[in-house]
Structure formats: structure tokens, C-alpha cells
Amino acid sequence: AGLGIPGPVMPDGYVEVCVNLGWRDVNPQKELSAML
């Protein structure tokens, strides 16, 4: 799966902050992979 989010993403999938979504200090790449 390809996951696009409105903000900067590190190469390993880590997101320090995504203001539009309220995310702070998350890795949506790893989290969504685990859920799927």
C-alpha cells in the first residue's frame, strides 16, 4: 500500500508532526502495516 499524508515523512515512515491530522511522533507506515 502507498500512503500519502499532508506533511513531511522521514524515509522510515516516521512523522514528527502532521498539523492537519493532529499527529505527533507517529509512524503511520509501521502502524498501518501492522493493522493490515
ModelCIF file with pLDDT and N, C-alpha, C, O atoms, coordinates in Angstrom:
data_MODEL
#
_entry.id   MODEL 
#
_entity.id                         1 
_entity.type                       polymer 
_entity.pdbx_number_of_molecules   1 
#
_entity_poly.entity_id                      1 
_entity_poly.type                           'polypeptide(L)' 
_entity_poly.nstd_linkage                   no 
_entity_poly.nstd_monomer                   no 
_entity_poly.pdbx_seq_one_letter_code       AGLGIPGPVMPDGYVEVCVNLGWRDVNPQKELSAML 
_entity_poly.pdbx_seq_one_letter_code_can   AGLGIPGPVMPDGYVEVCVNLGWRDVNPQKELSAML 
_entity_poly.pdbx_strand_id                 A 
#
loop_
_entity_poly_seq.entity_id 
_entity_poly_seq.num 
_entity_poly_seq.mon_id 
_entity_poly_seq.hetero 
1 1  ALA n 
1 2  GLY n 
1 3  LEU n 
1 4  GLY n 
1 5  ILE n 
1 6  PRO n 
1 7  GLY n 
1 8  PRO n 
1 9  VAL n 
1 10 MET n 
1 11 PRO n 
1 12 ASP n 
1 13 GLY n 
1 14 TYR n 
1 15 VAL n 
1 16 GLU n 
1 17 VAL n 
1 18 CYS n 
1 19 VAL n 
1 20 ASN n 
1 21 LEU n 
1 22 GLY n 
1 23 TRP n 
1 24 ARG n 
1 25 ASP n 
1 26 VAL n 
1 27 ASN n 
1 28 PRO n 
1 29 GLN n 
1 30 LYS n 
1 31 GLU n 
1 32 LEU n 
1 33 SER n 
1 34 ALA n 
1 35 MET n 
1 36 LEU n 
#
_struct_asym.id          A 
_struct_asym.entity_id   1 
#
loop_
_ma_qa_metric.id 
_ma_qa_metric.mode 
_ma_qa_metric.name 
_ma_qa_metric.software_group_id 
_ma_qa_metric.type 
1 global pLDDT . pLDDT 
2 local  pLDDT . pLDDT 
#
_ma_qa_metric_global.metric_id      1 
_ma_qa_metric_global.metric_value   94.69 
_ma_qa_metric_global.model_id       1 
_ma_qa_metric_global.ordinal_id     1 
#
loop_
_ma_qa_metric_local.label_asym_id 
_ma_qa_metric_local.label_comp_id 
_ma_qa_metric_local.label_seq_id 
_ma_qa_metric_local.metric_id 
_ma_qa_metric_local.metric_value 
_ma_qa_metric_local.model_id 
_ma_qa_metric_local.ordinal_id 
A ALA 1  2 98.00 1 1  
A GLY 2  2 97.00 1 2  
A LEU 3  2 97.00 1 3  
A GLY 4  2 96.00 1 4  
A ILE 5  2 95.00 1 5  
A PRO 6  2 92.00 1 6  
A GLY 7  2 90.00 1 7  
A PRO 8  2 93.00 1 8  
A VAL 9  2 93.00 1 9  
A MET 10 2 94.00 1 10 
A PRO 11 2 92.00 1 11 
A ASP 12 2 93.00 1 12 
A GLY 13 2 93.00 1 13 
A TYR 14 2 95.00 1 14 
A VAL 15 2 95.00 1 15 
A GLU 16 2 95.00 1 16 
A VAL 17 2 94.00 1 17 
A CYS 18 2 93.00 1 18 
A VAL 19 2 90.00 1 19 
A ASN 20 2 89.00 1 20 
A LEU 21 2 94.00 1 21 
A GLY 22 2 93.00 1 22 
A TRP 23 2 95.00 1 23 
A ARG 24 2 94.00 1 24 
A ASP 25 2 95.00 1 25 
A VAL 26 2 95.00 1 26 
A ASN 27 2 97.00 1 27 
A PRO 28 2 97.00 1 28 
A GLN 29 2 96.00 1 29 
A LYS 30 2 97.00 1 30 
A GLU 31 2 97.00 1 31 
A LEU 32 2 97.00 1 32 
A SER 33 2 97.00 1 33 
A ALA 34 2 97.00 1 34 
A MET 35 2 97.00 1 35 
A LEU 36 2 97.00 1 36 
#
loop_
_atom_site.group_PDB 
_atom_site.id 
_atom_site.type_symbol 
_atom_site.label_atom_id 
_atom_site.label_alt_id 
_atom_site.label_comp_id 
_atom_site.label_asym_id 
_atom_site.label_entity_id 
_atom_site.label_seq_id 
_atom_site.pdbx_PDB_ins_code 
_atom_site.Cartn_x 
_atom_site.Cartn_y 
_atom_site.Cartn_z 
_atom_site.occupancy 
_atom_site.B_iso_or_equiv 
_atom_site.pdbx_formal_charge 
_atom_site.auth_seq_id 
_atom_site.auth_comp_id 
_atom_site.auth_asym_id 
_atom_site.auth_atom_id 
_atom_site.pdbx_PDB_model_num 
ATOM 1   N N  . ALA A 1 1  ? 0.842  -1.195 0.000  1.00 98.00 ? 1  ALA A N  1 
ATOM 2   C CA . ALA A 1 1  ? 0.000  0.000  0.000  1.00 98.00 ? 1  ALA A CA 1 
ATOM 3   C C  . ALA A 1 1  ? 0.872  1.237  0.000  1.00 98.00 ? 1  ALA A C  1 
ATOM 4   O O  . ALA A 1 1  ? 1.913  1.278  0.656  1.00 98.00 ? 1  ALA A O  1 
ATOM 5   N N  . GLY A 1 2  ? 0.444  2.241  -0.737 1.00 97.00 ? 2  GLY A N  1 
ATOM 6   C CA . GLY A 1 2  ? 1.081  3.556  -0.727 1.00 97.00 ? 2  GLY A CA 1 
ATOM 7   C C  . GLY A 1 2  ? 0.225  4.480  0.114  1.00 97.00 ? 2  GLY A C  1 
ATOM 8   O O  . GLY A 1 2  ? -0.991 4.543  -0.070 1.00 97.00 ? 2  GLY A O  1 
ATOM 9   N N  . LEU A 1 3  ? 0.847  5.196  1.033  1.00 97.00 ? 3  LEU A N  1 
ATOM 10  C CA . LEU A 1 3  ? 0.133  6.052  1.975  1.00 97.00 ? 3  LEU A CA 1 
ATOM 11  C C  . LEU A 1 3  ? 0.616  7.487  1.819  1.00 97.00 ? 3  LEU A C  1 
ATOM 12  O O  . LEU A 1 3  ? 1.787  7.785  2.054  1.00 97.00 ? 3  LEU A O  1 
ATOM 13  N N  . GLY A 1 4  ? -0.289 8.371  1.421  1.00 96.00 ? 4  GLY A N  1 
ATOM 14  C CA . GLY A 1 4  ? 0.043  9.786  1.296  1.00 96.00 ? 4  GLY A CA 1 
ATOM 15  C C  . GLY A 1 4  ? -0.579 10.562 2.435  1.00 96.00 ? 4  GLY A C  1 
ATOM 16  O O  . GLY A 1 4  ? -1.768 10.422 2.721  1.00 96.00 ? 4  GLY A O  1 
ATOM 17  N N  . ILE A 1 5  ? 0.238  11.391 3.090  1.00 95.00 ? 5  ILE A N  1 
ATOM 18  C CA . ILE A 1 5  ? -0.276 12.227 4.178  1.00 95.00 ? 5  ILE A CA 1 
ATOM 19  C C  . ILE A 1 5  ? 0.159  13.669 3.945  1.00 95.00 ? 5  ILE A C  1 
ATOM 20  O O  . ILE A 1 5  ? 1.166  13.911 3.280  1.00 95.00 ? 5  ILE A O  1 
ATOM 21  N N  . PRO A 1 6  ? -0.594 14.633 4.487  1.00 92.00 ? 6  PRO A N  1 
ATOM 22  C CA . PRO A 1 6  ? -0.279 16.049 4.261  1.00 92.00 ? 6  PRO A CA 1 
ATOM 23  C C  . PRO A 1 6  ? 0.792  16.572 5.214  1.00 92.00 ? 6  PRO A C  1 
ATOM 24  O O  . PRO A 1 6  ? 0.490  17.311 6.152  1.00 92.00 ? 6  PRO A O  1 
ATOM 25  N N  . GLY A 1 7  ? 2.044  16.186 4.969  1.00 90.00 ? 7  GLY A N  1 
ATOM 26  C CA . GLY A 1 7  ? 3.134  16.652 5.805  1.00 90.00 ? 7  GLY A CA 1 
ATOM 27  C C  . GLY A 1 7  ? 4.400  15.872 5.541  1.00 90.00 ? 7  GLY A C  1 
ATOM 28  O O  . GLY A 1 7  ? 4.385  14.887 4.803  1.00 90.00 ? 7  GLY A O  1 
ATOM 29  N N  . PRO A 1 8  ? 5.504  16.307 6.142  1.00 93.00 ? 8  PRO A N  1 
ATOM 30  C CA . PRO A 1 8  ? 6.787  15.640 5.920  1.00 93.00 ? 8  PRO A CA 1 
ATOM 31  C C  . PRO A 1 8  ? 6.863  14.261 6.586  1.00 93.00 ? 8  PRO A C  1 
ATOM 32  O O  . PRO A 1 8  ? 6.418  14.066 7.716  1.00 93.00 ? 8  PRO A O  1 
ATOM 33  N N  . VAL A 1 9  ? 7.440  13.324 5.848  1.00 93.00 ? 9  VAL A N  1 
ATOM 34  C CA . VAL A 1 9  ? 7.603  11.947 6.320  1.00 93.00 ? 9  VAL A CA 1 
ATOM 35  C C  . VAL A 1 9  ? 9.067  11.559 6.157  1.00 93.00 ? 9  VAL A C  1 
ATOM 36  O O  . VAL A 1 9  ? 9.651  11.785 5.097  1.00 93.00 ? 9  VAL A O  1 
ATOM 37  N N  . MET A 1 10 ? 9.653  10.991 7.172  1.00 94.00 ? 10 MET A N  1 
ATOM 38  C CA . MET A 1 10 ? 11.036 10.523 7.097  1.00 94.00 ? 10 MET A CA 1 
ATOM 39  C C  . MET A 1 10 ? 11.086 9.236  6.257  1.00 94.00 ? 10 MET A C  1 
ATOM 40  O O  . MET A 1 10 ? 10.065 8.570  6.091  1.00 94.00 ? 10 MET A O  1 
ATOM 41  N N  . PRO A 1 11 ? 12.263 8.885  5.731  1.00 92.00 ? 11 PRO A N  1 
ATOM 42  C CA . PRO A 1 11 ? 12.369 7.673  4.904  1.00 92.00 ? 11 PRO A CA 1 
ATOM 43  C C  . PRO A 1 11 ? 11.869 6.394  5.581  1.00 92.00 ? 11 PRO A C  1 
ATOM 44  O O  . PRO A 1 11 ? 11.407 5.478  4.902  1.00 92.00 ? 11 PRO A O  1 
ATOM 45  N N  . ASP A 1 12 ? 11.956 6.325  6.917  1.00 93.00 ? 12 ASP A N  1 
ATOM 46  C CA . ASP A 1 12 ? 11.486 5.122  7.623  1.00 93.00 ? 12 ASP A CA 1 
ATOM 47  C C  . ASP A 1 12 ? 9.998  5.189  7.977  1.00 93.00 ? 12 ASP A C  1 
ATOM 48  O O  . ASP A 1 12 ? 9.484  4.304  8.660  1.00 93.00 ? 12 ASP A O  1 
ATOM 49  N N  . GLY A 1 13 ? 9.301  6.242  7.511  1.00 93.00 ? 13 GLY A N  1 
ATOM 50  C CA . GLY A 1 13 ? 7.873  6.380  7.760  1.00 93.00 ? 13 GLY A CA 1 
ATOM 51  C C  . GLY A 1 13 ? 7.512  7.219  8.975  1.00 93.00 ? 13 GLY A C  1 
ATOM 52  O O  . GLY A 1 13 ? 6.333  7.452  9.238  1.00 93.00 ? 13 GLY A O  1 
ATOM 53  N N  . TYR A 1 14 ? 8.517  7.678  9.722  1.00 95.00 ? 14 TYR A N  1 
ATOM 54  C CA . TYR A 1 14 ? 8.271  8.457  10.934 1.00 95.00 ? 14 TYR A CA 1 
ATOM 55  C C  . TYR A 1 14 ? 7.740  9.856  10.584 1.00 95.00 ? 14 TYR A C  1 
ATOM 56  O O  . TYR A 1 14 ? 8.225  10.504 9.656  1.00 95.00 ? 14 TYR A O  1 
ATOM 57  N N  . VAL A 1 15 ? 6.743  10.300 11.342 1.00 95.00 ? 15 VAL A N  1 
ATOM 58  C CA . VAL A 1 15 ? 6.170  11.640 11.189 1.00 95.00 ? 15 VAL A CA 1 
ATOM 59  C C  . VAL A 1 15 ? 6.303  12.355 12.526 1.00 95.00 ? 15 VAL A C  1 
ATOM 60  O O  . VAL A 1 15 ? 5.703  11.951 13.522 1.00 95.00 ? 15 VAL A O  1 
ATOM 61  N N  . GLU A 1 16 ? 7.095  13.423 12.536 1.00 95.00 ? 16 GLU A N  1 
ATOM 62  C CA . GLU A 1 16 ? 7.255  14.189 13.773 1.00 95.00 ? 16 GLU A CA 1 
ATOM 63  C C  . GLU A 1 16 ? 5.967  14.937 14.098 1.00 95.00 ? 16 GLU A C  1 
ATOM 64  O O  . GLU A 1 16 ? 5.480  14.903 15.228 1.00 95.00 ? 16 GLU A O  1 
ATOM 65  N N  . VAL A 1 17 ? 5.420  15.619 13.078 1.00 94.00 ? 17 VAL A N  1 
ATOM 66  C CA . VAL A 1 17 ? 4.172  16.344 13.277 1.00 94.00 ? 17 VAL A CA 1 
ATOM 67  C C  . VAL A 1 17 ? 3.442  16.455 11.942 1.00 94.00 ? 17 VAL A C  1 
ATOM 68  O O  . VAL A 1 17 ? 4.044  16.691 10.895 1.00 94.00 ? 17 VAL A O  1 
ATOM 69  N N  . CYS A 1 18 ? 2.128  16.278 12.017 1.00 93.00 ? 18 CYS A N  1 
ATOM 70  C CA . CYS A 1 18 ? 1.244  16.497 10.876 1.00 93.00 ? 18 CYS A CA 1 
ATOM 71  C C  . CYS A 1 18 ? 0.082  17.324 11.410 1.00 93.00 ? 18 CYS A C  1 
ATOM 72  O O  . CYS A 1 18 ? -0.893 16.786 11.936 1.00 93.00 ? 18 CYS A O  1 
ATOM 73  N N  . VAL A 1 19 ? 0.201  18.637 11.268 1.00 90.00 ? 19 VAL A N  1 
ATOM 74  C CA . VAL A 1 19 ? -0.742 19.570 11.881 1.00 90.00 ? 19 VAL A CA 1 
ATOM 75  C C  . VAL A 1 19 ? -2.176 19.298 11.427 1.00 90.00 ? 19 VAL A C  1 
ATOM 76  O O  . VAL A 1 19 ? -3.092 19.297 12.250 1.00 90.00 ? 19 VAL A O  1 
ATOM 77  N N  . ASN A 1 20 ? -2.382 19.066 10.131 1.00 89.00 ? 20 ASN A N  1 
ATOM 78  C CA . ASN A 1 20 ? -3.734 18.871 9.588  1.00 89.00 ? 20 ASN A CA 1 
ATOM 79  C C  . ASN A 1 20 ? -4.466 17.697 10.243 1.00 89.00 ? 20 ASN A C  1 
ATOM 80  O O  . ASN A 1 20 ? -5.693 17.710 10.344 1.00 89.00 ? 20 ASN A O  1 
ATOM 81  N N  . LEU A 1 21 ? -3.719 16.688 10.684 1.00 94.00 ? 21 LEU A N  1 
ATOM 82  C CA . LEU A 1 21 ? -4.338 15.484 11.235 1.00 94.00 ? 21 LEU A CA 1 
ATOM 83  C C  . LEU A 1 21 ? -4.243 15.400 12.752 1.00 94.00 ? 21 LEU A C  1 
ATOM 84  O O  . LEU A 1 21 ? -4.918 14.577 13.370 1.00 94.00 ? 21 LEU A O  1 
ATOM 85  N N  . GLY A 1 22 ? -3.416 16.238 13.354 1.00 93.00 ? 22 GLY A N  1 
ATOM 86  C CA . GLY A 1 22 ? -3.229 16.194 14.800 1.00 93.00 ? 22 GLY A CA 1 
ATOM 87  C C  . GLY A 1 22 ? -2.180 15.183 15.245 1.00 93.00 ? 22 GLY A C  1 
ATOM 88  O O  . GLY A 1 22 ? -2.038 14.904 16.435 1.00 93.00 ? 22 GLY A O  1 
ATOM 89  N N  . TRP A 1 23 ? -1.436 14.629 14.262 1.00 95.00 ? 23 TRP A N  1 
ATOM 90  C CA . TRP A 1 23 ? -0.434 13.609 14.594 1.00 95.00 ? 23 TRP A CA 1 
ATOM 91  C C  . TRP A 1 23 ? 0.843  14.234 15.119 1.00 95.00 ? 23 TRP A C  1 
ATOM 92  O O  . TRP A 1 23 ? 1.305  15.260 14.619 1.00 95.00 ? 23 TRP A O  1 
ATOM 93  N N  . ARG A 1 24 ? 1.409  13.597 16.140 1.00 94.00 ? 24 ARG A N  1 
ATOM 94  C CA . ARG A 1 24 ? 2.721  13.970 16.673 1.00 94.00 ? 24 ARG A CA 1 
ATOM 95  C C  . ARG A 1 24 ? 3.453  12.693 17.039 1.00 94.00 ? 24 ARG A C  1 
ATOM 96  O O  . ARG A 1 24 ? 2.920  11.818 17.722 1.00 94.00 ? 24 ARG A O  1 
ATOM 97  N N  . ASP A 1 25 ? 4.704  12.607 16.563 1.00 95.00 ? 25 ASP A N  1 
ATOM 98  C CA . ASP A 1 25 ? 5.569  11.491 16.945 1.00 95.00 ? 25 ASP A CA 1 
ATOM 99  C C  . ASP A 1 25 ? 4.918  10.136 16.657 1.00 95.00 ? 25 ASP A C  1 
ATOM 100 O O  . ASP A 1 25 ? 4.727  9.329  17.567 1.00 95.00 ? 25 ASP A O  1 
ATOM 101 N N  . VAL A 1 26 ? 4.580  9.891  15.388 1.00 95.00 ? 26 VAL A N  1 
ATOM 102 C CA . VAL A 1 26 ? 3.947  8.633  14.980 1.00 95.00 ? 26 VAL A CA 1 
ATOM 103 C C  . VAL A 1 26 ? 4.683  8.042  13.780 1.00 95.00 ? 26 VAL A C  1 
ATOM 104 O O  . VAL A 1 26 ? 5.442  8.732  13.100 1.00 95.00 ? 26 VAL A O  1 
ATOM 105 N N  . ASN A 1 27 ? 4.449  6.780  13.537 1.00 97.00 ? 27 ASN A N  1 
ATOM 106 C CA . ASN A 1 27 ? 4.963  6.138  12.329 1.00 97.00 ? 27 ASN A CA 1 
ATOM 107 C C  . ASN A 1 27 ? 3.775  5.445  11.654 1.00 97.00 ? 27 ASN A C  1 
ATOM 108 O O  . ASN A 1 27 ? 3.560  4.249  11.850 1.00 97.00 ? 27 ASN A O  1 
ATOM 109 N N  . PRO A 1 28 ? 3.005  6.198  10.856 1.00 97.00 ? 28 PRO A N  1 
ATOM 110 C CA . PRO A 1 28 ? 1.816  5.631  10.241 1.00 97.00 ? 28 PRO A CA 1 
ATOM 111 C C  . PRO A 1 28 ? 2.134  4.462  9.306  1.00 97.00 ? 28 PRO A C  1 
ATOM 112 O O  . PRO A 1 28 ? 1.308  3.570  9.118  1.00 97.00 ? 28 PRO A O  1 
ATOM 113 N N  . GLN A 1 29 ? 3.326  4.471  8.726  1.00 96.00 ? 29 GLN A N  1 
ATOM 114 C CA . GLN A 1 29 ? 3.737  3.371  7.851  1.00 96.00 ? 29 GLN A CA 1 
ATOM 115 C C  . GLN A 1 29 ? 3.765  2.048  8.624  1.00 96.00 ? 29 GLN A C  1 
ATOM 116 O O  . GLN A 1 29 ? 3.158  1.063  8.202  1.00 96.00 ? 29 GLN A O  1 
ATOM 117 N N  . LYS A 1 30 ? 4.466  2.033  9.748  1.00 97.00 ? 30 LYS A N  1 
ATOM 118 C CA . LYS A 1 30 ? 4.568  0.811  10.561 1.00 97.00 ? 30 LYS A CA 1 
ATOM 119 C C  . LYS A 1 30 ? 3.232  0.446  11.194 1.00 97.00 ? 30 LYS A C  1 
ATOM 120 O O  . LYS A 1 30 ? 2.859  -0.726 11.238 1.00 97.00 ? 30 LYS A O  1 
ATOM 121 N N  . GLU A 1 31 ? 2.505  1.465  11.691 1.00 97.00 ? 31 GLU A N  1 
ATOM 122 C CA . GLU A 1 31 ? 1.239  1.201  12.372 1.00 97.00 ? 31 GLU A CA 1 
ATOM 123 C C  . GLU A 1 31 ? 0.208  0.606  11.413 1.00 97.00 ? 31 GLU A C  1 
ATOM 124 O O  . GLU A 1 31 ? -0.465 -0.367 11.752 1.00 97.00 ? 31 GLU A O  1 
ATOM 125 N N  . LEU A 1 32 ? 0.082  1.187  10.215 1.00 97.00 ? 32 LEU A N  1 
ATOM 126 C CA . LEU A 1 32 ? -0.913 0.682  9.269  1.00 97.00 ? 32 LEU A CA 1 
ATOM 127 C C  . LEU A 1 32 ? -0.519 -0.694 8.751  1.00 97.00 ? 32 LEU A C  1 
ATOM 128 O O  . LEU A 1 32 ? -1.383 -1.552 8.564  1.00 97.00 ? 32 LEU A O  1 
ATOM 129 N N  . SER A 1 33 ? 0.757  -0.917 8.518  1.00 97.00 ? 33 SER A N  1 
ATOM 130 C CA . SER A 1 33 ? 1.218  -2.239 8.081  1.00 97.00 ? 33 SER A CA 1 
ATOM 131 C C  . SER A 1 33 ? 0.819  -3.302 9.102  1.00 97.00 ? 33 SER A C  1 
ATOM 132 O O  . SER A 1 33 ? 0.331  -4.370 8.734  1.00 97.00 ? 33 SER A O  1 
ATOM 133 N N  . ALA A 1 34 ? 1.027  -3.009 10.381 1.00 97.00 ? 34 ALA A N  1 
ATOM 134 C CA . ALA A 1 34 ? 0.672  -3.962 11.438 1.00 97.00 ? 34 ALA A CA 1 
ATOM 135 C C  . ALA A 1 34 ? -0.831 -4.241 11.469 1.00 97.00 ? 34 ALA A C  1 
ATOM 136 O O  . ALA A 1 34 ? -1.251 -5.353 11.789 1.00 97.00 ? 34 ALA A O  1 
ATOM 137 N N  . MET A 1 35 ? -1.637 -3.236 11.139 1.00 97.00 ? 35 MET A N  1 
ATOM 138 C CA . MET A 1 35 ? -3.098 -3.395 11.145 1.00 97.00 ? 35 MET A CA 1 
ATOM 139 C C  . MET A 1 35 ? -3.592 -4.168 9.912  1.00 97.00 ? 35 MET A C  1 
ATOM 140 O O  . MET A 1 35 ? -4.723 -4.654 9.894  1.00 97.00 ? 35 MET A O  1 
ATOM 141 N N  . LEU A 1 36 ? -2.746 -4.279 8.893  1.00 97.00 ? 36 LEU A N  1 
ATOM 142 C CA . LEU A 1 36 ? -3.146 -4.910 7.622  1.00 97.00 ? 36 LEU A CA 1 
ATOM 143 C C  . LEU A 1 36 ? -2.322 -6.177 7.359  1.00 97.00 ? 36 LEU A C  1 
ATOM 144 O O  . LEU A 1 36 ? -2.518 -6.840 6.340  1.00 97.00 ? 36 LEU A O  1 
#
